[in-house]
Amino acid sequence: MDPLVVALIGALLVMGLFFGLAKLSSGPSNVKGRLASFVGGANPPEEKAEKKKKKFTLGLGETAIAARVEKSVGKQSFGRNVQRKLAQADLKLTLLEFMITKIALMLVGLAAGLFLGRGGAIQSALFSIGGVVVGFFILDWYVKMRIGKRLKAFNGQLGDTVGLMANSLRSGYSMLQSMELVAKESANPIGDEFTRVVREVGLGLSAQDALANLMRRMPSDDLDLLITAINIQYEVGGNLAQILDTISHTIRERVRIKGEVAVLTAQGRVSGYLVSALPVFIGVVVTVINPTYMSVLFDFPWVIMPVCGGILVFSGFMIIRKIVNIEV
């Protein structure tokens, strides 16, 4: 049988397993219902529908298999690292869903590699290995991109949030009431994160522990400055509103400078992506149109040309990234 057909059948079987487990795992969770009523009640139907559209989940989180995998793999460093990254990216995936998604993407990459490498045996092997490698890392790239996007949005909102907390403290609010005001009035992602902080405090955690959990989910230097100031105020006292005003000004200035640096380095970053992706894009397009035409490049000794070219393109891309990466 054609290897391409086998890979496609395997991918279809894995996706069928996804939907089957998702259907078996459907059903309300009494524990979640009780917790929801304790920390603030159920969301209105419109809010539930809106949040359901934004969350990426396969629906396997309530199965017994997912619970066993979460318990066994979650104790290891790999599992803890994956759980932390998924929390930072705000992806509602269990470890089982994460691993199954990786396997499915590897099968899709294998099928794409077999299709692109149909011009010859060496070409098929190289493209298949490349497709599997890309399929293995593509979910990690997506998670990293989500983390960067959320962290950038969080830092952009943090200056105004700290100013809001300072004004609420001056008006007589406590720190917990100020965080609750931020949770209600701020947009996402900072609204969701402070809502979680308030709920954790309502469930019995101390404010310091809840803020430490927030720091693990959002590893921001500006947030670290805010949490350090709050913790010091809890220990020794002081005029926290005035300190928060100073922190708010510092965060706003840092965000402004980062924006100016991003504008000045935009041309270099776009050039790096464009120059690096253009040869790969042209090679893939020509391979799809005429695989036998490109198969000559994958015979020895001509295979040295694309290998060396790929190494040089990757090296140039990393050098450009190093040049335009300016820390503020």
Protein backbone atom coordinates (compact mmCIF):
# COMPACT_ATOMS: atom_id res chain seq x y z
CA MET A 1 0.00 0.00 0.00
CA ASP A 2 1.13 3.55 -0.69
CA PRO A 3 2.82 5.05 2.44
CA LEU A 4 0.92 8.29 1.87
CA VAL A 5 -2.40 6.44 2.14
CA VAL A 6 -1.22 4.68 5.31
CA ALA A 7 -0.22 7.97 6.93
CA LEU A 8 -3.55 9.59 6.01
CA ILE A 9 -5.50 6.62 7.40
CA GLY A 10 -3.49 6.85 10.63
CA ALA A 11 -4.23 10.56 10.97
CA LEU A 12 -7.96 9.93 10.40
CA LEU A 13 -7.97 7.17 13.04
CA VAL A 14 -6.33 9.45 15.59
CA MET A 15 -8.82 12.25 14.90
CA GLY A 16 -11.66 9.71 15.20
CA LEU A 17 -10.27 8.73 18.61
CA PHE A 18 -10.32 12.42 19.60
CA PHE A 19 -13.99 12.88 18.83
CA GLY A 20 -14.96 9.53 20.34
CA LEU A 21 -13.31 10.30 23.67
CA ALA A 22 -14.69 13.82 23.59
CA LYS A 23 -18.24 12.47 23.18
CA LEU A 24 -17.79 9.93 25.97
CA SER A 25 -16.41 12.60 28.29
CA SER A 26 -19.29 15.07 27.76
CA GLY A 27 -21.37 15.80 30.83
CA PRO A 28 -21.62 18.30 33.68
CA SER A 29 -19.08 18.30 36.49
CA ASN A 30 -20.66 18.58 39.97
CA VAL A 31 -17.37 19.68 41.53
CA LYS A 32 -16.96 22.50 39.02
CA GLY A 33 -20.59 23.52 39.55
CA ARG A 34 -20.16 23.78 43.32
CA LEU A 35 -16.92 25.73 42.96
CA ALA A 36 -18.52 28.08 40.41
CA SER A 37 -21.42 28.81 42.76
CA PHE A 38 -18.99 29.46 45.63
CA VAL A 39 -16.67 31.85 43.79
CA GLY A 40 -19.24 33.87 41.96
CA GLY A 41 -21.97 31.82 40.33
CA ALA A 42 -22.38 30.61 36.80
CA ASN A 43 -21.63 32.79 33.83
CA PRO A 44 -24.55 34.11 31.79
CA PRO A 45 -25.31 32.20 28.57
CA GLU A 46 -23.87 34.92 26.34
CA GLU A 47 -20.60 35.00 28.28
CA LYS A 48 -20.36 31.20 28.20
CA ALA A 49 -20.87 31.14 24.46
CA GLU A 50 -18.28 33.85 23.93
CA LYS A 51 -15.70 32.08 26.10
CA LYS A 52 -16.42 28.74 24.44
CA LYS A 53 -15.46 30.19 21.08
CA LYS A 54 -12.14 31.48 22.39
CA LYS A 55 -10.95 28.31 24.19
CA PHE A 56 -9.08 25.59 22.33
CA THR A 57 -9.91 22.24 23.93
CA LEU A 58 -10.56 18.68 22.74
CA GLY A 59 -13.01 17.82 25.50
CA LEU A 60 -10.93 15.02 27.06
CA GLY A 61 -10.32 16.72 30.39
CA GLU A 62 -13.04 14.80 32.29
CA THR A 63 -12.05 11.25 31.25
CA ALA A 64 -10.45 8.74 33.60
CA ILE A 65 -7.55 8.28 31.17
CA ALA A 66 -6.85 12.01 31.19
CA ALA A 67 -6.90 12.02 35.01
CA ARG A 68 -4.40 9.15 35.20
CA VAL A 69 -2.07 10.78 32.67
CA GLU A 70 -2.35 14.12 34.47
CA LYS A 71 -1.49 12.47 37.79
CA SER A 72 1.45 10.37 36.56
CA VAL A 73 3.05 12.65 33.96
CA GLY A 74 2.27 15.84 35.93
CA LYS A 75 4.68 14.76 38.68
CA GLN A 76 7.63 14.77 36.28
CA SER A 77 9.53 17.87 35.19
CA PHE A 78 8.25 17.49 31.61
CA GLY A 79 4.63 17.46 32.77
CA ARG A 80 5.07 20.43 35.10
CA ASN A 81 6.78 22.41 32.35
CA VAL A 82 3.98 21.67 29.86
CA GLN A 83 1.29 22.54 32.41
CA ARG A 84 2.98 25.85 33.18
CA LYS A 85 3.28 26.78 29.52
CA LEU A 86 -0.35 25.83 28.80
CA ALA A 87 -1.45 28.00 31.73
CA GLN A 88 0.66 30.90 30.48
CA ALA A 89 -0.84 30.52 26.98
CA ASP A 90 -4.39 30.18 28.42
CA LEU A 91 -4.97 26.91 26.54
CA LYS A 92 -7.49 24.62 28.24
CA LEU A 93 -5.65 21.41 27.35
CA THR A 94 -4.77 18.49 29.58
CA LEU A 95 -1.49 16.63 29.21
CA LEU A 96 -3.30 13.81 27.39
CA GLU A 97 -4.85 16.23 24.90
CA PHE A 98 -1.49 17.93 24.42
CA MET A 99 0.30 14.64 23.66
CA ILE A 100 -2.45 13.32 21.36
CA THR A 101 -2.44 16.61 19.44
CA LYS A 102 1.33 16.30 19.00
CA ILE A 103 0.97 12.75 17.64
CA ALA A 104 -1.75 13.85 15.21
CA LEU A 105 0.38 16.76 13.96
CA MET A 106 3.34 14.42 13.47
CA LEU A 107 1.16 12.11 11.36
CA VAL A 108 -0.06 15.08 9.32
CA GLY A 109 3.56 16.20 8.84
CA LEU A 110 4.51 12.67 7.76
CA ALA A 111 1.69 12.63 5.20
CA ALA A 112 2.71 16.07 3.88
CA GLY A 113 6.35 14.95 3.67
CA LEU A 114 5.44 11.81 1.72
CA PHE A 115 3.37 13.92 -0.66
CA LEU A 116 6.15 16.47 -1.24
CA GLY A 117 8.82 13.76 -1.58
CA ARG A 118 7.03 11.61 -4.12
CA GLY A 119 9.72 12.40 -6.72
CA GLY A 120 12.29 9.93 -5.34
CA ALA A 121 13.33 7.71 -2.41
CA ILE A 122 15.90 10.11 -0.88
CA GLN A 123 13.58 13.05 -1.40
CA SER A 124 10.71 11.14 0.25
CA ALA A 125 12.85 10.19 3.27
CA LEU A 126 14.13 13.75 3.80
CA PHE A 127 10.72 15.37 3.47
CA SER A 128 9.14 12.73 5.72
CA ILE A 129 11.69 13.30 8.47
CA GLY A 130 11.31 17.06 8.07
CA GLY A 131 7.50 16.79 8.22
CA VAL A 132 7.61 14.71 11.41
CA VAL A 133 10.06 17.16 13.04
CA VAL A 134 7.91 20.16 12.09
CA GLY A 135 4.77 18.35 13.30
CA PHE A 136 6.47 17.61 16.62
CA PHE A 137 7.46 21.22 17.27
CA ILE A 138 4.57 23.12 15.68
CA LEU A 139 2.37 22.89 18.77
CA ASP A 140 5.24 24.15 20.95
CA TRP A 141 5.71 27.07 18.54
CA TYR A 142 2.00 27.87 18.73
CA VAL A 143 2.03 27.77 22.54
CA LYS A 144 5.11 30.01 22.62
CA MET A 145 3.46 32.46 20.22
CA ARG A 146 0.33 32.56 22.41
CA ILE A 147 2.44 33.17 25.52
CA GLY A 148 4.29 36.04 23.85
CA LYS A 149 1.07 37.60 22.57
CA ARG A 150 -0.67 37.41 25.96
CA LEU A 151 2.39 38.67 27.81
CA LYS A 152 2.71 41.65 25.47
CA ALA A 153 -0.97 42.53 25.91
CA PHE A 154 -0.65 42.07 29.68
CA ASN A 155 2.36 44.39 29.93
CA GLY A 156 0.58 46.96 27.77
CA GLN A 157 -2.36 47.06 30.20
CA LEU A 158 -0.34 46.83 33.41
CA GLY A 159 0.59 50.52 33.65
CA ASP A 160 -3.04 51.68 33.63
CA THR A 161 -3.99 48.83 35.96
CA VAL A 162 -1.42 49.88 38.56
CA GLY A 163 -2.69 53.45 38.30
CA LEU A 164 -6.26 52.23 38.86
CA MET A 165 -5.14 50.27 41.93
CA ALA A 166 -3.36 53.35 43.33
CA ASN A 167 -6.45 55.54 42.90
CA SER A 168 -8.72 52.93 44.47
CA LEU A 169 -6.38 52.64 47.48
CA ARG A 170 -6.52 56.43 47.93
CA SER A 171 -10.32 56.32 47.91
CA GLY A 172 -10.32 53.88 50.84
CA TYR A 173 -10.43 50.46 49.19
CA SER A 174 -8.39 47.58 50.56
CA MET A 175 -5.87 45.78 48.39
CA LEU A 176 -8.24 42.86 47.75
CA GLN A 177 -11.07 45.25 46.83
CA SER A 178 -8.68 47.07 44.46
CA MET A 179 -7.78 43.78 42.74
CA GLU A 180 -11.47 42.91 42.49
CA LEU A 181 -12.11 46.30 40.87
CA VAL A 182 -9.32 45.60 38.38
CA ALA A 183 -10.85 42.18 37.63
CA LYS A 184 -14.23 43.78 36.88
CA GLU A 185 -13.12 46.86 34.97
CA SER A 186 -10.07 45.69 32.99
CA ALA A 187 -10.12 43.93 29.64
CA ASN A 188 -8.53 40.56 28.99
CA PRO A 189 -5.98 39.15 29.62
CA ILE A 190 -5.39 41.22 32.76
CA GLY A 191 -9.04 41.01 33.77
CA ASP A 192 -9.06 37.20 33.62
CA GLU A 193 -5.80 36.93 35.55
CA PHE A 194 -6.90 39.20 38.40
CA THR A 195 -10.29 37.45 38.48
CA ARG A 196 -8.40 34.23 39.11
CA VAL A 197 -6.35 35.91 41.85
CA VAL A 198 -9.52 37.11 43.61
CA ARG A 199 -11.12 33.67 43.33
CA GLU A 200 -8.02 31.96 44.73
CA VAL A 201 -8.09 34.31 47.71
CA GLY A 202 -11.80 33.53 48.14
CA LEU A 203 -10.99 29.82 48.18
CA GLY A 204 -8.54 30.24 51.07
CA LEU A 205 -5.16 31.19 49.59
CA SER A 206 -3.29 34.15 50.98
CA ALA A 207 -2.89 37.21 48.79
CA GLN A 208 0.87 36.57 48.55
CA ASP A 209 0.36 33.01 47.33
CA ALA A 210 -2.29 34.08 44.81
CA LEU A 211 0.02 36.79 43.44
CA ALA A 212 2.87 34.26 43.27
CA ASN A 213 0.63 32.00 41.16
CA LEU A 214 -0.13 35.00 38.95
CA MET A 215 3.61 35.56 38.53
CA ARG A 216 4.05 31.93 37.42
CA ARG A 217 1.31 32.33 34.83
CA MET A 218 2.53 35.74 33.60
CA PRO A 219 6.36 35.92 33.91
CA SER A 220 6.65 39.69 33.52
CA ASP A 221 9.40 41.88 34.97
CA ASP A 222 6.90 44.72 35.42
CA LEU A 223 4.50 42.42 37.30
CA ASP A 224 7.38 41.24 39.47
CA LEU A 225 8.00 44.88 40.43
CA LEU A 226 4.34 45.31 41.41
CA ILE A 227 4.17 42.08 43.44
CA THR A 228 7.43 42.90 45.25
CA ALA A 229 6.05 46.31 46.28
CA ILE A 230 2.80 44.73 47.55
CA ASN A 231 4.66 42.06 49.53
CA ILE A 232 6.96 44.66 51.12
CA GLN A 233 3.94 46.76 52.07
CA TYR A 234 2.33 43.72 53.72
CA GLU A 235 5.48 43.21 55.79
CA VAL A 236 6.55 46.72 56.81
CA GLY A 237 3.64 48.98 55.82
CA GLY A 238 3.95 52.34 54.08
CA ASN A 239 2.11 54.49 51.56
CA LEU A 240 1.39 51.87 48.91
CA ALA A 241 -0.64 54.24 46.72
CA GLN A 242 2.37 56.53 46.25
CA ILE A 243 4.63 53.56 45.50
CA LEU A 244 2.15 52.27 42.92
CA ASP A 245 2.07 55.69 41.23
CA THR A 246 5.85 55.53 40.79
CA ILE A 247 5.64 51.95 39.49
CA SER A 248 2.85 52.92 37.08
CA HIS A 249 4.98 55.75 35.63
CA THR A 250 7.99 53.40 35.29
CA ILE A 251 5.92 50.74 33.50
CA ARG A 252 4.39 53.27 31.10
CA GLU A 253 7.81 54.65 30.18
CA ARG A 254 9.21 51.16 29.64
CA VAL A 255 6.28 50.23 27.39
CA ARG A 256 6.77 53.45 25.42
CA ILE A 257 10.47 52.81 24.90
CA LYS A 258 9.81 49.19 23.89
CA GLY A 259 7.30 50.43 21.32
CA GLU A 260 9.83 52.87 19.86
CA VAL A 261 12.47 50.12 19.66
CA ALA A 262 9.98 47.77 17.98
CA VAL A 263 9.18 50.41 15.34
CA LEU A 264 12.86 51.12 14.64
CA THR A 265 13.73 47.40 14.29
CA ALA A 266 10.59 46.40 12.35
CA GLN A 267 12.33 46.57 8.96
CA GLY A 268 15.15 44.28 10.11
CA ARG A 269 12.75 41.74 11.62
CA VAL A 270 10.53 41.62 8.53
CA SER A 271 13.58 41.35 6.27
CA GLY A 272 14.86 38.40 8.30
CA TYR A 273 11.56 36.53 8.06
CA LEU A 274 11.08 37.32 4.36
CA VAL A 275 14.61 36.48 3.19
CA SER A 276 14.64 33.26 5.21
CA ALA A 277 11.20 32.05 4.17
CA LEU A 278 11.40 32.94 0.47
CA PRO A 279 13.80 30.13 -0.64
CA VAL A 280 11.86 27.54 1.36
CA PHE A 281 8.53 28.74 -0.04
CA ILE A 282 9.77 28.69 -3.65
CA GLY A 283 11.30 25.21 -3.16
CA VAL A 284 8.04 23.82 -1.72
CA VAL A 285 5.93 25.36 -4.51
CA VAL A 286 8.21 23.99 -7.26
CA THR A 287 8.20 20.56 -5.55
CA VAL A 288 4.41 20.50 -5.45
CA ILE A 289 4.14 21.51 -9.11
CA ASN A 290 6.91 19.26 -10.48
CA PRO A 291 8.49 16.85 -7.93
CA THR A 292 10.75 15.17 -10.50
CA TYR A 293 12.32 18.53 -11.42
CA MET A 294 13.47 19.06 -7.82
CA SER A 295 14.49 15.44 -7.26
CA VAL A 296 17.87 16.09 -8.95
CA LEU A 297 18.88 18.29 -6.00
CA PHE A 298 18.45 15.35 -3.62
CA ASP A 299 20.89 13.02 -5.40
CA PHE A 300 24.51 12.85 -4.25
CA PRO A 301 26.57 15.04 -4.56
CA TRP A 302 23.98 17.72 -5.42
CA VAL A 303 22.20 17.18 -2.09
CA ILE A 304 25.03 19.15 -0.48
CA MET A 305 23.67 22.34 -2.09
CA PRO A 306 20.25 22.47 -0.35
CA VAL A 307 21.78 21.27 2.94
CA CYS A 308 24.46 23.98 2.97
CA GLY A 309 21.96 26.55 1.72
CA GLY A 310 19.57 25.71 4.56
CA ILE A 311 22.37 26.01 7.12
CA LEU A 312 23.40 29.42 5.75
CA VAL A 313 19.81 30.68 5.65
CA PHE A 314 19.22 29.58 9.24
CA SER A 315 22.50 31.17 10.38
CA GLY A 316 21.61 34.46 8.68
CA PHE A 317 18.16 34.42 10.27
CA MET A 318 19.61 33.90 13.76
CA ILE A 319 22.17 36.69 13.22
CA ILE A 320 19.44 39.12 12.14
CA ARG A 321 17.35 38.19 15.19
CA LYS A 322 20.33 38.79 17.43
CA ILE A 323 20.91 42.23 15.89
CA VAL A 324 17.31 43.43 16.24
CA ASN A 325 16.78 41.91 19.71
CA ILE A 326 17.35 44.95 21.95
CA GLU A 327 16.60 44.54 25.65
CA VAL A 328 14.94 47.45 27.44
